[in-house]
Amino acid sequence: MKSLKFTQSNILKMNKKTYLPYQLHQLPKWFNKYYTEHLSIKGYCYILLEDHYENSPYFNYNDFKACLSSNKDLGYKIAR
């Protein structure tokens, strides 16, 4: 059985590979579901980190990690 390990802000590490999370409306333009290694879990599409480096020459992993946040981190309050 494969174990899933979520690190900082939903970055997924599985079998010594790193997958980065995207919501469906945020997928990069180079993404192709037939040629890109990806997973779909809990409403997110996780794309392999190596695919980012192959398809986007200016991709910066540290900037991507710095921009990740969830609504809990932003301090939103649900008010009705």
Protein backbone atom coordinates (compact mmCIF):
# COMPACT_ATOMS: atom_id res chain seq x y z
CA MET A 1 0.00 0.00 0.00
CA LYS A 2 1.29 3.43 -0.91
CA SER A 3 1.36 6.00 1.84
CA LEU A 4 0.59 9.64 1.22
CA LYS A 5 2.56 12.28 3.06
CA PHE A 6 1.33 15.85 2.91
CA THR A 7 3.93 18.44 3.81
CA GLN A 8 3.70 22.22 3.97
CA SER A 9 0.38 23.49 2.56
CA ASN A 10 -0.73 20.28 0.80
CA ILE A 11 2.48 19.51 -1.10
CA LEU A 12 2.30 15.76 -1.61
CA LYS A 13 5.28 13.42 -1.32
CA MET A 14 4.79 9.85 -2.46
CA ASN A 15 7.37 7.23 -3.44
CA LYS A 16 10.22 9.78 -3.34
CA LYS A 17 8.38 12.06 -5.80
CA THR A 18 6.95 15.51 -5.10
CA TYR A 19 3.56 16.63 -6.41
CA LEU A 20 2.34 20.24 -6.36
CA PRO A 21 -1.35 21.08 -5.81
CA TYR A 22 -3.59 22.99 -8.20
CA GLN A 23 -7.30 23.60 -8.27
CA LEU A 24 -8.94 22.82 -11.59
CA HIS A 25 -9.30 26.46 -12.64
CA GLN A 26 -5.62 27.15 -11.80
CA LEU A 27 -3.94 24.49 -13.96
CA PRO A 28 -0.93 25.71 -15.98
CA LYS A 29 -1.35 26.18 -19.74
CA TRP A 30 1.17 23.44 -20.55
CA PHE A 31 -0.81 20.82 -18.58
CA ASN A 32 -2.07 17.89 -20.66
CA LYS A 33 -3.82 15.09 -18.81
CA TYR A 34 -2.56 12.48 -21.27
CA TYR A 35 1.16 13.33 -21.10
CA THR A 36 1.59 14.82 -17.63
CA GLU A 37 1.94 12.66 -14.52
CA HIS A 38 -0.78 13.80 -12.13
CA LEU A 39 -3.16 12.68 -9.36
CA SER A 40 -6.60 13.91 -8.37
CA ILE A 41 -7.24 13.90 -4.61
CA LYS A 42 -9.68 15.92 -2.48
CA GLY A 43 -10.58 18.44 -5.19
CA TYR A 44 -6.97 19.18 -6.12
CA CYS A 45 -4.94 18.10 -9.13
CA TYR A 46 -1.39 17.23 -8.07
CA ILE A 47 1.24 17.60 -10.82
CA LEU A 48 4.71 16.05 -10.60
CA LEU A 49 7.49 18.55 -9.81
CA GLU A 50 9.75 17.24 -12.60
CA ASP A 51 7.04 18.06 -15.17
CA HIS A 52 7.15 21.68 -14.00
CA TYR A 53 10.88 21.89 -14.68
CA GLU A 54 10.53 20.24 -18.10
CA ASN A 55 7.68 22.43 -19.33
CA SER A 56 8.44 25.77 -17.69
CA PRO A 57 12.08 26.92 -17.84
CA TYR A 58 11.52 29.79 -15.38
CA PHE A 59 9.70 27.76 -12.70
CA ASN A 60 10.89 28.54 -9.16
CA TYR A 61 9.93 25.95 -6.54
CA ASN A 62 10.66 28.24 -3.56
CA ASP A 63 8.39 30.99 -4.93
CA PHE A 64 5.65 28.42 -5.50
CA LYS A 65 5.91 27.20 -1.88
CA ALA A 66 5.83 30.78 -0.58
CA CYS A 67 2.58 31.53 -2.46
CA LEU A 68 0.68 28.48 -1.21
CA SER A 69 -1.96 29.18 1.40
CA SER A 70 -5.27 27.88 2.56
CA ASN A 71 -8.25 29.81 3.86
CA LYS A 72 -7.27 28.90 7.43
CA ASP A 73 -3.95 30.69 6.98
CA LEU A 74 -5.56 33.88 5.69
CA GLY A 75 -7.80 34.34 8.72
CA TYR A 76 -11.12 34.32 6.90
CA LYS A 77 -14.24 34.09 9.04
CA ILE A 78 -17.46 32.59 7.83
CA ALA A 79 -20.28 35.01 8.60
CA ARG A 80 -23.93 34.60 7.77
